[in-house]
């Protein structure tokens, strides 16, 4: 499998193509295997590349939290997806699990959603982390309700423009 690996901490020069990366396999009955069509590049990816991985992990590592692709295999207890389904998700890339700068990824079915038909794979892969962040800030933390007013600072940024739309 081809994957882009972070081989050390630093700038973009530490990202290298590995044509022989291990293909991830389903190890839990509730996991899905996805053939990536697109991977998002977010600020967390660049911060991890320059500052280092979480969970005590060391390079080499595959970065990329956001992704979109097609389900190619499912575990025995998967009920939400079947091979051929288009999905988008935020999973991996922090150091514990491989990220999405790769041809394939494996994740729990609960971490994926059906890709909206209105989005192609590239646009779908750009959204999950920013969307989750905006949602959690507005509804989980601020408990925003219908009829309330909200001020979104930096509304032109990745999270801010989504927060405005959600609000």
N, C-alpha and C. Protein backbone atom coordinates (compact mmCIF):
# COMPACT_ATOMS: atom_id res chain seq x y z
N UNK A 1 0.85 -1.16 0.00
CA UNK A 1 0.00 0.00 0.00
C UNK A 1 0.90 1.23 0.00
N UNK A 2 0.46 2.26 -0.70
CA UNK A 2 1.17 3.53 -0.68
C UNK A 2 0.64 4.38 0.47
N UNK A 3 1.56 5.06 1.15
CA UNK A 3 1.20 5.96 2.24
C UNK A 3 2.26 7.06 2.32
N UNK A 4 1.83 8.21 2.79
CA UNK A 4 2.76 9.29 3.08
C UNK A 4 3.09 9.19 4.56
N UNK A 5 4.36 9.00 4.89
CA UNK A 5 4.78 8.84 6.28
C UNK A 5 5.59 10.05 6.74
N UNK A 6 5.36 10.40 7.99
CA UNK A 6 6.18 11.39 8.68
C UNK A 6 7.37 10.59 9.24
N UNK A 7 8.58 10.93 8.82
CA UNK A 7 9.75 10.17 9.23
C UNK A 7 10.51 10.80 10.40
N UNK A 8 10.18 12.04 10.72
CA UNK A 8 10.79 12.78 11.84
C UNK A 8 9.90 13.99 12.09
N UNK A 9 10.16 14.75 13.13
CA UNK A 9 9.45 16.00 13.30
C UNK A 9 10.12 17.07 12.44
N UNK A 10 9.32 18.00 11.94
CA UNK A 10 9.88 19.06 11.12
C UNK A 10 8.87 19.59 10.13
N UNK A 11 9.39 20.18 9.07
CA UNK A 11 8.56 20.77 8.02
C UNK A 11 8.08 19.72 7.04
N UNK A 12 7.51 20.17 5.93
CA UNK A 12 6.98 19.24 4.92
C UNK A 12 8.02 18.26 4.39
N UNK A 13 9.30 18.60 4.50
CA UNK A 13 10.36 17.72 3.99
C UNK A 13 10.45 16.40 4.74
N UNK A 14 9.80 16.27 5.90
CA UNK A 14 9.84 15.00 6.65
C UNK A 14 8.74 14.03 6.21
N UNK A 15 7.92 14.45 5.25
CA UNK A 15 6.89 13.57 4.70
C UNK A 15 7.45 12.84 3.48
N UNK A 16 7.34 11.52 3.49
CA UNK A 16 7.91 10.71 2.41
C UNK A 16 6.95 9.63 1.98
N UNK A 17 6.97 9.31 0.69
CA UNK A 17 6.14 8.24 0.15
C UNK A 17 6.74 6.89 0.52
N UNK A 18 5.90 6.02 1.08
CA UNK A 18 6.28 4.64 1.35
C UNK A 18 5.41 3.77 0.46
N UNK A 19 6.00 3.14 -0.54
CA UNK A 19 5.25 2.29 -1.47
C UNK A 19 4.97 0.90 -0.90
N UNK A 20 5.51 0.60 0.27
CA UNK A 20 5.37 -0.74 0.85
C UNK A 20 4.81 -0.70 2.27
N UNK A 21 3.95 0.27 2.55
CA UNK A 21 3.34 0.35 3.88
C UNK A 21 2.40 -0.84 4.09
N UNK A 22 2.29 -1.27 5.33
CA UNK A 22 1.42 -2.40 5.65
C UNK A 22 -0.04 -2.02 5.42
N UNK A 23 -0.79 -2.90 4.78
CA UNK A 23 -2.22 -2.68 4.56
C UNK A 23 -2.94 -3.02 5.86
N UNK A 24 -3.72 -2.08 6.42
CA UNK A 24 -4.41 -2.37 7.68
C UNK A 24 -5.49 -3.44 7.48
N UNK A 25 -5.71 -4.22 8.52
CA UNK A 25 -6.70 -5.30 8.47
C UNK A 25 -7.73 -5.11 9.56
N UNK A 26 -8.93 -5.57 9.32
CA UNK A 26 -9.99 -5.55 10.32
C UNK A 26 -9.61 -6.50 11.44
N UNK A 27 -9.63 -6.00 12.69
CA UNK A 27 -9.28 -6.83 13.85
C UNK A 27 -10.42 -6.91 14.86
N UNK A 28 -11.49 -6.19 14.61
CA UNK A 28 -12.65 -6.16 15.51
C UNK A 28 -13.91 -6.37 14.68
N UNK A 29 -14.91 -7.05 15.20
CA UNK A 29 -16.13 -7.30 14.42
C UNK A 29 -16.94 -6.04 14.10
N UNK A 30 -16.59 -4.91 14.71
CA UNK A 30 -17.34 -3.67 14.47
C UNK A 30 -16.55 -2.67 13.63
N UNK A 31 -15.48 -3.11 13.01
CA UNK A 31 -14.66 -2.22 12.19
C UNK A 31 -15.04 -2.31 10.72
N UNK A 32 -14.70 -1.23 10.01
CA UNK A 32 -14.83 -1.20 8.56
C UNK A 32 -13.46 -0.88 7.96
N UNK A 33 -13.23 -1.38 6.77
CA UNK A 33 -12.01 -1.06 6.02
C UNK A 33 -12.41 -0.16 4.86
N UNK A 34 -11.70 0.95 4.71
CA UNK A 34 -12.05 1.96 3.72
C UNK A 34 -10.89 2.18 2.75
N UNK A 35 -11.21 2.20 1.47
CA UNK A 35 -10.24 2.62 0.46
C UNK A 35 -10.39 4.12 0.33
N UNK A 36 -9.30 4.83 0.67
CA UNK A 36 -9.34 6.28 0.70
C UNK A 36 -9.46 6.86 -0.70
N UNK A 37 -10.33 7.85 -0.82
CA UNK A 37 -10.40 8.64 -2.04
C UNK A 37 -9.77 10.01 -1.82
N UNK A 38 -9.81 10.48 -0.56
CA UNK A 38 -9.23 11.79 -0.23
C UNK A 38 -8.94 11.85 1.26
N UNK A 39 -7.91 12.61 1.60
CA UNK A 39 -7.56 12.86 3.00
C UNK A 39 -7.51 14.37 3.21
N UNK A 40 -8.09 14.82 4.31
CA UNK A 40 -8.01 16.24 4.64
C UNK A 40 -6.67 16.57 5.27
N UNK A 41 -6.23 17.80 5.09
CA UNK A 41 -5.03 18.29 5.75
C UNK A 41 -5.48 19.43 6.67
N UNK A 42 -5.32 19.23 7.97
CA UNK A 42 -5.81 20.20 8.95
C UNK A 42 -4.66 20.79 9.76
N UNK A 43 -4.93 21.84 10.49
CA UNK A 43 -3.87 22.40 11.34
C UNK A 43 -3.29 21.40 12.33
N UNK A 44 -4.10 20.47 12.84
CA UNK A 44 -3.56 19.48 13.78
C UNK A 44 -2.50 18.61 13.10
N UNK A 45 -2.68 18.31 11.82
CA UNK A 45 -1.69 17.51 11.10
C UNK A 45 -0.35 18.24 11.03
N UNK A 46 -0.38 19.53 10.74
CA UNK A 46 0.88 20.27 10.64
C UNK A 46 1.50 20.46 12.02
N UNK A 47 0.68 20.63 13.05
CA UNK A 47 1.22 20.77 14.41
C UNK A 47 1.88 19.47 14.87
N UNK A 48 1.25 18.35 14.59
CA UNK A 48 1.85 17.06 14.97
C UNK A 48 3.14 16.83 14.21
N UNK A 49 3.13 17.18 12.92
CA UNK A 49 4.35 17.00 12.12
C UNK A 49 5.49 17.83 12.68
N UNK A 50 5.23 19.04 13.15
CA UNK A 50 6.32 19.90 13.64
C UNK A 50 6.65 19.67 15.10
N UNK A 51 5.68 19.24 15.92
CA UNK A 51 5.90 19.10 17.36
C UNK A 51 6.04 17.67 17.85
N UNK A 52 5.52 16.71 17.09
CA UNK A 52 5.62 15.32 17.49
C UNK A 52 4.26 14.67 17.74
N UNK A 53 4.27 13.36 17.78
CA UNK A 53 3.07 12.55 17.92
C UNK A 53 2.60 12.48 19.37
N UNK A 54 1.34 12.15 19.55
CA UNK A 54 0.78 11.92 20.88
C UNK A 54 1.00 10.47 21.30
N UNK A 55 0.62 10.16 22.54
CA UNK A 55 0.62 8.80 23.09
C UNK A 55 2.01 8.18 23.15
N UNK A 56 3.06 9.01 23.15
CA UNK A 56 4.41 8.49 23.22
C UNK A 56 4.89 7.84 21.94
N UNK A 57 4.12 7.96 20.87
CA UNK A 57 4.50 7.35 19.59
C UNK A 57 5.69 8.09 18.97
N UNK A 58 6.45 7.37 18.18
CA UNK A 58 7.61 7.92 17.50
C UNK A 58 7.49 7.65 16.00
N UNK A 59 8.05 8.53 15.17
CA UNK A 59 8.03 8.30 13.72
C UNK A 59 8.77 7.02 13.38
N UNK A 60 8.48 6.39 12.28
CA UNK A 60 7.58 6.88 11.24
C UNK A 60 6.11 6.69 11.62
N UNK A 61 5.28 7.56 11.06
CA UNK A 61 3.85 7.50 11.32
C UNK A 61 3.09 8.07 10.13
N UNK A 62 1.88 7.59 9.96
CA UNK A 62 1.00 8.11 8.92
C UNK A 62 0.07 9.13 9.58
N UNK A 63 0.13 10.37 9.11
CA UNK A 63 -0.71 11.44 9.65
C UNK A 63 -2.05 11.47 8.92
N UNK A 64 -2.88 12.43 9.31
CA UNK A 64 -4.16 12.65 8.64
C UNK A 64 -5.34 12.20 9.47
N UNK A 65 -6.08 13.15 10.04
CA UNK A 65 -7.27 12.82 10.85
C UNK A 65 -8.52 12.68 10.00
N UNK A 66 -8.67 13.50 8.97
CA UNK A 66 -9.89 13.52 8.17
C UNK A 66 -9.74 12.69 6.91
N UNK A 67 -10.82 11.98 6.55
CA UNK A 67 -10.78 11.17 5.34
C UNK A 67 -12.15 10.92 4.77
N UNK A 68 -12.14 10.46 3.53
CA UNK A 68 -13.37 10.06 2.84
C UNK A 68 -13.01 8.98 1.83
N UNK A 69 -13.88 7.99 1.73
CA UNK A 69 -13.60 6.91 0.79
C UNK A 69 -14.74 5.93 0.70
N UNK A 70 -14.42 4.75 0.20
CA UNK A 70 -15.40 3.71 -0.05
C UNK A 70 -15.12 2.50 0.83
N UNK A 71 -16.15 2.01 1.49
CA UNK A 71 -16.04 0.81 2.31
C UNK A 71 -15.74 -0.38 1.40
N UNK A 72 -14.68 -1.14 1.74
CA UNK A 72 -14.32 -2.31 0.94
C UNK A 72 -14.50 -3.62 1.71
N UNK A 73 -14.60 -3.53 3.04
CA UNK A 73 -14.82 -4.73 3.86
C UNK A 73 -15.43 -4.30 5.19
N UNK A 74 -16.18 -5.21 5.79
CA UNK A 74 -16.82 -4.91 7.08
C UNK A 74 -16.64 -6.10 8.02
N UNK A 75 -16.57 -5.78 9.33
CA UNK A 75 -16.53 -6.81 10.34
C UNK A 75 -17.88 -7.49 10.47
N UNK A 76 -17.90 -8.64 11.14
CA UNK A 76 -19.11 -9.47 11.24
C UNK A 76 -20.27 -8.80 11.94
N UNK A 77 -20.01 -7.82 12.82
CA UNK A 77 -21.08 -7.16 13.56
C UNK A 77 -21.40 -5.76 13.03
N UNK A 78 -20.86 -5.39 11.89
CA UNK A 78 -21.13 -4.07 11.32
C UNK A 78 -22.56 -4.06 10.78
N UNK A 79 -23.32 -3.07 11.23
CA UNK A 79 -24.72 -2.97 10.82
C UNK A 79 -25.02 -1.71 10.02
N UNK A 80 -24.14 -0.73 10.07
CA UNK A 80 -24.42 0.57 9.44
C UNK A 80 -23.89 0.69 8.01
N UNK A 81 -22.96 -0.16 7.63
CA UNK A 81 -22.31 -0.02 6.33
C UNK A 81 -22.17 -1.36 5.64
N UNK A 82 -22.00 -1.27 4.33
CA UNK A 82 -21.69 -2.47 3.53
C UNK A 82 -20.68 -2.06 2.46
N UNK A 83 -19.96 -3.02 1.90
CA UNK A 83 -19.00 -2.68 0.85
C UNK A 83 -19.67 -1.86 -0.26
N UNK A 84 -18.96 -0.84 -0.69
CA UNK A 84 -19.48 0.05 -1.72
C UNK A 84 -20.02 1.36 -1.18
N UNK A 85 -20.31 1.43 0.13
CA UNK A 85 -20.82 2.67 0.72
C UNK A 85 -19.74 3.75 0.73
N UNK A 86 -20.14 4.97 0.42
CA UNK A 86 -19.25 6.12 0.51
C UNK A 86 -19.35 6.70 1.93
N UNK A 87 -18.19 6.91 2.58
CA UNK A 87 -18.16 7.38 3.96
C UNK A 87 -17.19 8.55 4.12
N UNK A 88 -17.36 9.28 5.21
CA UNK A 88 -16.42 10.31 5.65
C UNK A 88 -16.23 10.17 7.14
N UNK A 89 -15.08 10.62 7.67
CA UNK A 89 -14.76 10.32 9.06
C UNK A 89 -13.58 11.15 9.54
N UNK A 90 -13.44 11.19 10.86
CA UNK A 90 -12.28 11.75 11.53
C UNK A 90 -11.73 10.62 12.40
N UNK A 91 -10.55 10.13 12.06
CA UNK A 91 -9.99 8.97 12.76
C UNK A 91 -8.49 8.90 12.52
N UNK A 92 -7.75 8.62 13.58
CA UNK A 92 -6.32 8.32 13.47
C UNK A 92 -5.46 9.54 13.21
N UNK A 93 -4.19 9.27 12.95
CA UNK A 93 -3.25 10.30 12.58
C UNK A 93 -2.59 11.04 13.73
N UNK A 94 -2.88 10.65 14.96
CA UNK A 94 -2.31 11.35 16.11
C UNK A 94 -1.15 10.60 16.76
N UNK A 95 -1.00 9.32 16.41
CA UNK A 95 0.07 8.53 16.98
C UNK A 95 -0.38 7.17 17.45
N UNK A 96 -1.64 7.04 17.83
CA UNK A 96 -2.14 5.74 18.30
C UNK A 96 -2.49 4.84 17.12
N UNK A 97 -3.27 5.36 16.17
CA UNK A 97 -3.62 4.60 14.96
C UNK A 97 -3.06 5.33 13.75
N UNK A 98 -2.77 4.58 12.69
CA UNK A 98 -2.34 5.25 11.45
C UNK A 98 -3.43 6.20 10.96
N UNK A 99 -2.99 7.26 10.31
CA UNK A 99 -3.93 8.24 9.78
C UNK A 99 -4.36 7.95 8.36
N UNK A 100 -4.82 9.00 7.69
CA UNK A 100 -5.49 8.86 6.40
C UNK A 100 -4.66 9.26 5.20
N UNK A 101 -3.38 9.53 5.38
CA UNK A 101 -2.51 9.80 4.23
C UNK A 101 -2.07 8.45 3.66
N UNK A 102 -3.02 7.60 3.37
CA UNK A 102 -2.74 6.23 2.91
C UNK A 102 -3.88 5.74 2.02
N UNK A 103 -3.62 4.67 1.30
CA UNK A 103 -4.64 4.13 0.41
C UNK A 103 -5.79 3.46 1.15
N UNK A 104 -5.51 2.91 2.34
CA UNK A 104 -6.55 2.21 3.11
C UNK A 104 -6.46 2.60 4.59
N UNK A 105 -7.59 2.52 5.25
CA UNK A 105 -7.64 2.69 6.69
C UNK A 105 -8.70 1.78 7.26
N UNK A 106 -8.57 1.45 8.54
CA UNK A 106 -9.55 0.64 9.26
C UNK A 106 -9.99 1.45 10.47
N UNK A 107 -11.30 1.51 10.70
CA UNK A 107 -11.83 2.25 11.83
C UNK A 107 -13.13 1.62 12.31
N UNK A 108 -13.54 2.01 13.51
CA UNK A 108 -14.81 1.55 14.06
C UNK A 108 -15.95 2.16 13.27
N UNK A 109 -17.01 1.39 13.04
CA UNK A 109 -18.13 1.90 12.29
C UNK A 109 -18.74 3.15 12.94
N UNK A 110 -18.66 3.26 14.26
CA UNK A 110 -19.22 4.42 14.97
C UNK A 110 -18.47 5.71 14.65
N UNK A 111 -17.26 5.61 14.11
CA UNK A 111 -16.47 6.80 13.79
C UNK A 111 -16.71 7.31 12.38
N UNK A 112 -17.51 6.63 11.61
CA UNK A 112 -17.78 7.02 10.22
C UNK A 112 -19.24 7.39 10.04
N UNK A 113 -19.49 8.15 9.00
CA UNK A 113 -20.84 8.51 8.60
C UNK A 113 -20.94 8.33 7.09
N UNK A 114 -22.16 8.12 6.62
CA UNK A 114 -22.37 8.08 5.17
C UNK A 114 -22.05 9.46 4.61
N UNK A 115 -21.29 9.48 3.53
CA UNK A 115 -20.92 10.74 2.89
C UNK A 115 -22.17 11.37 2.27
N UNK A 116 -22.39 12.66 2.52
CA UNK A 116 -23.54 13.31 1.87
C UNK A 116 -23.40 13.24 0.35
N UNK A 117 -24.49 12.96 -0.33
CA UNK A 117 -24.46 12.89 -1.80
C UNK A 117 -24.08 14.22 -2.43
N UNK A 118 -24.31 15.31 -1.71
CA UNK A 118 -24.03 16.64 -2.25
C UNK A 118 -22.54 16.98 -2.24
N UNK A 119 -21.72 16.15 -1.61
CA UNK A 119 -20.28 16.41 -1.54
C UNK A 119 -19.50 15.34 -2.29
N UNK A 120 -18.48 15.76 -3.04
CA UNK A 120 -17.57 14.78 -3.62
C UNK A 120 -16.59 14.36 -2.51
N UNK A 121 -15.75 13.38 -2.79
CA UNK A 121 -14.84 12.86 -1.77
C UNK A 121 -13.85 13.91 -1.28
N UNK A 122 -13.35 14.74 -2.16
CA UNK A 122 -12.36 15.75 -1.77
C UNK A 122 -12.96 16.74 -0.77
N UNK A 123 -14.15 17.24 -1.06
CA UNK A 123 -14.78 18.19 -0.15
C UNK A 123 -15.22 17.52 1.14
N UNK A 124 -15.68 16.28 1.07
CA UNK A 124 -16.08 15.56 2.27
C UNK A 124 -14.89 15.34 3.20
N UNK A 125 -13.72 15.05 2.64
CA UNK A 125 -12.53 14.80 3.46
C UNK A 125 -12.02 16.07 4.14
N UNK A 126 -12.44 17.22 3.67
CA UNK A 126 -11.98 18.48 4.26
C UNK A 126 -12.81 18.91 5.47
N UNK A 127 -13.91 18.23 5.76
CA UNK A 127 -14.87 18.74 6.74
C UNK A 127 -14.88 18.13 8.14
N UNK A 128 -14.62 16.85 8.35
CA UNK A 128 -14.98 16.24 9.64
C UNK A 128 -14.43 16.90 10.90
N UNK A 129 -13.15 17.14 11.02
CA UNK A 129 -12.60 17.68 12.27
C UNK A 129 -13.14 19.08 12.55
N UNK A 130 -13.19 19.94 11.55
CA UNK A 130 -13.72 21.29 11.74
C UNK A 130 -15.20 21.23 12.10
N UNK A 131 -15.94 20.36 11.48
CA UNK A 131 -17.37 20.22 11.77
C UNK A 131 -17.59 19.72 13.19
N UNK A 132 -16.85 18.72 13.60
CA UNK A 132 -16.95 18.18 14.97
C UNK A 132 -16.60 19.27 15.98
N UNK A 133 -15.54 20.01 15.72
CA UNK A 133 -15.10 21.06 16.64
C UNK A 133 -16.17 22.14 16.79
N UNK A 134 -16.73 22.60 15.68
CA UNK A 134 -17.77 23.64 15.73
C UNK A 134 -19.01 23.13 16.45
N UNK A 135 -19.43 21.91 16.14
CA UNK A 135 -20.61 21.33 16.78
C UNK A 135 -20.43 21.23 18.30
N UNK A 136 -19.29 20.68 18.72
CA UNK A 136 -19.05 20.52 20.15
C UNK A 136 -19.00 21.87 20.87
N UNK A 137 -18.40 22.88 20.25
CA UNK A 137 -18.33 24.20 20.88
C UNK A 137 -19.72 24.81 21.04
N UNK A 138 -20.52 24.75 19.99
CA UNK A 138 -21.83 25.39 20.02
C UNK A 138 -22.85 24.63 20.85
N UNK A 139 -22.91 23.33 20.67
CA UNK A 139 -24.02 22.57 21.25
C UNK A 139 -23.64 21.76 22.48
N UNK A 140 -22.45 21.20 22.51
CA UNK A 140 -22.04 20.43 23.69
C UNK A 140 -21.52 21.32 24.81
N UNK A 141 -20.78 22.37 24.47
CA UNK A 141 -20.21 23.25 25.49
C UNK A 141 -21.10 24.46 25.79
N UNK A 142 -21.49 25.20 24.76
CA UNK A 142 -22.28 26.42 24.96
C UNK A 142 -23.77 26.13 25.09
N UNK A 143 -24.19 24.93 24.76
CA UNK A 143 -25.60 24.53 24.86
C UNK A 143 -26.52 25.48 24.10
N UNK A 144 -26.09 25.87 22.91
CA UNK A 144 -26.84 26.78 22.07
C UNK A 144 -28.21 26.20 21.74
N UNK A 145 -29.25 27.02 21.82
CA UNK A 145 -30.61 26.58 21.55
C UNK A 145 -31.26 27.53 20.54
N UNK A 146 -32.32 27.08 19.93
CA UNK A 146 -33.07 27.88 18.95
C UNK A 146 -33.47 29.22 19.57
N UNK A 147 -33.31 30.28 18.80
CA UNK A 147 -33.69 31.61 19.26
C UNK A 147 -32.59 32.37 19.96
N UNK A 148 -31.51 31.72 20.32
CA UNK A 148 -30.39 32.39 20.97
C UNK A 148 -29.49 33.05 19.93
N UNK A 149 -28.69 34.00 20.39
CA UNK A 149 -27.74 34.70 19.53
C UNK A 149 -26.34 34.25 19.90
N UNK A 150 -25.50 34.12 18.89
CA UNK A 150 -24.13 33.70 19.13
C UNK A 150 -23.19 34.60 18.33
N UNK A 151 -22.06 34.95 18.91
CA UNK A 151 -21.01 35.70 18.23
C UNK A 151 -19.90 34.71 17.92
N UNK A 152 -19.54 34.60 16.66
CA UNK A 152 -18.46 33.70 16.23
C UNK A 152 -17.27 34.56 15.83
N UNK A 153 -16.22 34.53 16.65
CA UNK A 153 -14.97 35.22 16.30
C UNK A 153 -14.26 34.40 15.24
N UNK A 154 -13.56 35.06 14.36
CA UNK A 154 -12.81 34.39 13.29
C UNK A 154 -13.73 33.55 12.41
N UNK A 155 -14.84 34.14 12.02
CA UNK A 155 -15.83 33.43 11.22
C UNK A 155 -15.36 33.07 9.82
N UNK A 156 -14.20 33.54 9.40
CA UNK A 156 -13.69 33.19 8.09
C UNK A 156 -12.77 31.98 8.14
N UNK A 157 -12.47 31.49 9.35
CA UNK A 157 -11.57 30.34 9.48
C UNK A 157 -12.29 29.03 9.27
N UNK A 158 -11.54 27.95 9.33
CA UNK A 158 -12.08 26.61 9.09
C UNK A 158 -13.21 26.24 10.01
N UNK A 159 -13.03 26.41 11.31
CA UNK A 159 -14.09 26.08 12.28
C UNK A 159 -15.14 27.19 12.31
N UNK A 160 -14.70 28.44 12.24
CA UNK A 160 -15.61 29.56 12.36
C UNK A 160 -16.67 29.61 11.30
N UNK A 161 -16.31 29.37 10.04
CA UNK A 161 -17.33 29.45 8.99
C UNK A 161 -18.34 28.33 9.11
N UNK A 162 -17.94 27.19 9.66
CA UNK A 162 -18.88 26.10 9.89
C UNK A 162 -19.76 26.42 11.09
N UNK A 163 -19.19 27.02 12.13
CA UNK A 163 -19.98 27.40 13.30
C UNK A 163 -21.08 28.38 12.91
N UNK A 164 -20.78 29.32 12.04
CA UNK A 164 -21.81 30.27 11.58
C UNK A 164 -22.95 29.52 10.90
N UNK A 165 -22.63 28.58 10.04
CA UNK A 165 -23.66 27.83 9.34
C UNK A 165 -24.50 26.97 10.30
N UNK A 166 -23.85 26.36 11.28
CA UNK A 166 -24.58 25.55 12.26
C UNK A 166 -25.47 26.40 13.14
N UNK A 167 -24.96 27.57 13.54
CA UNK A 167 -25.73 28.45 14.41
C UNK A 167 -26.94 29.00 13.67
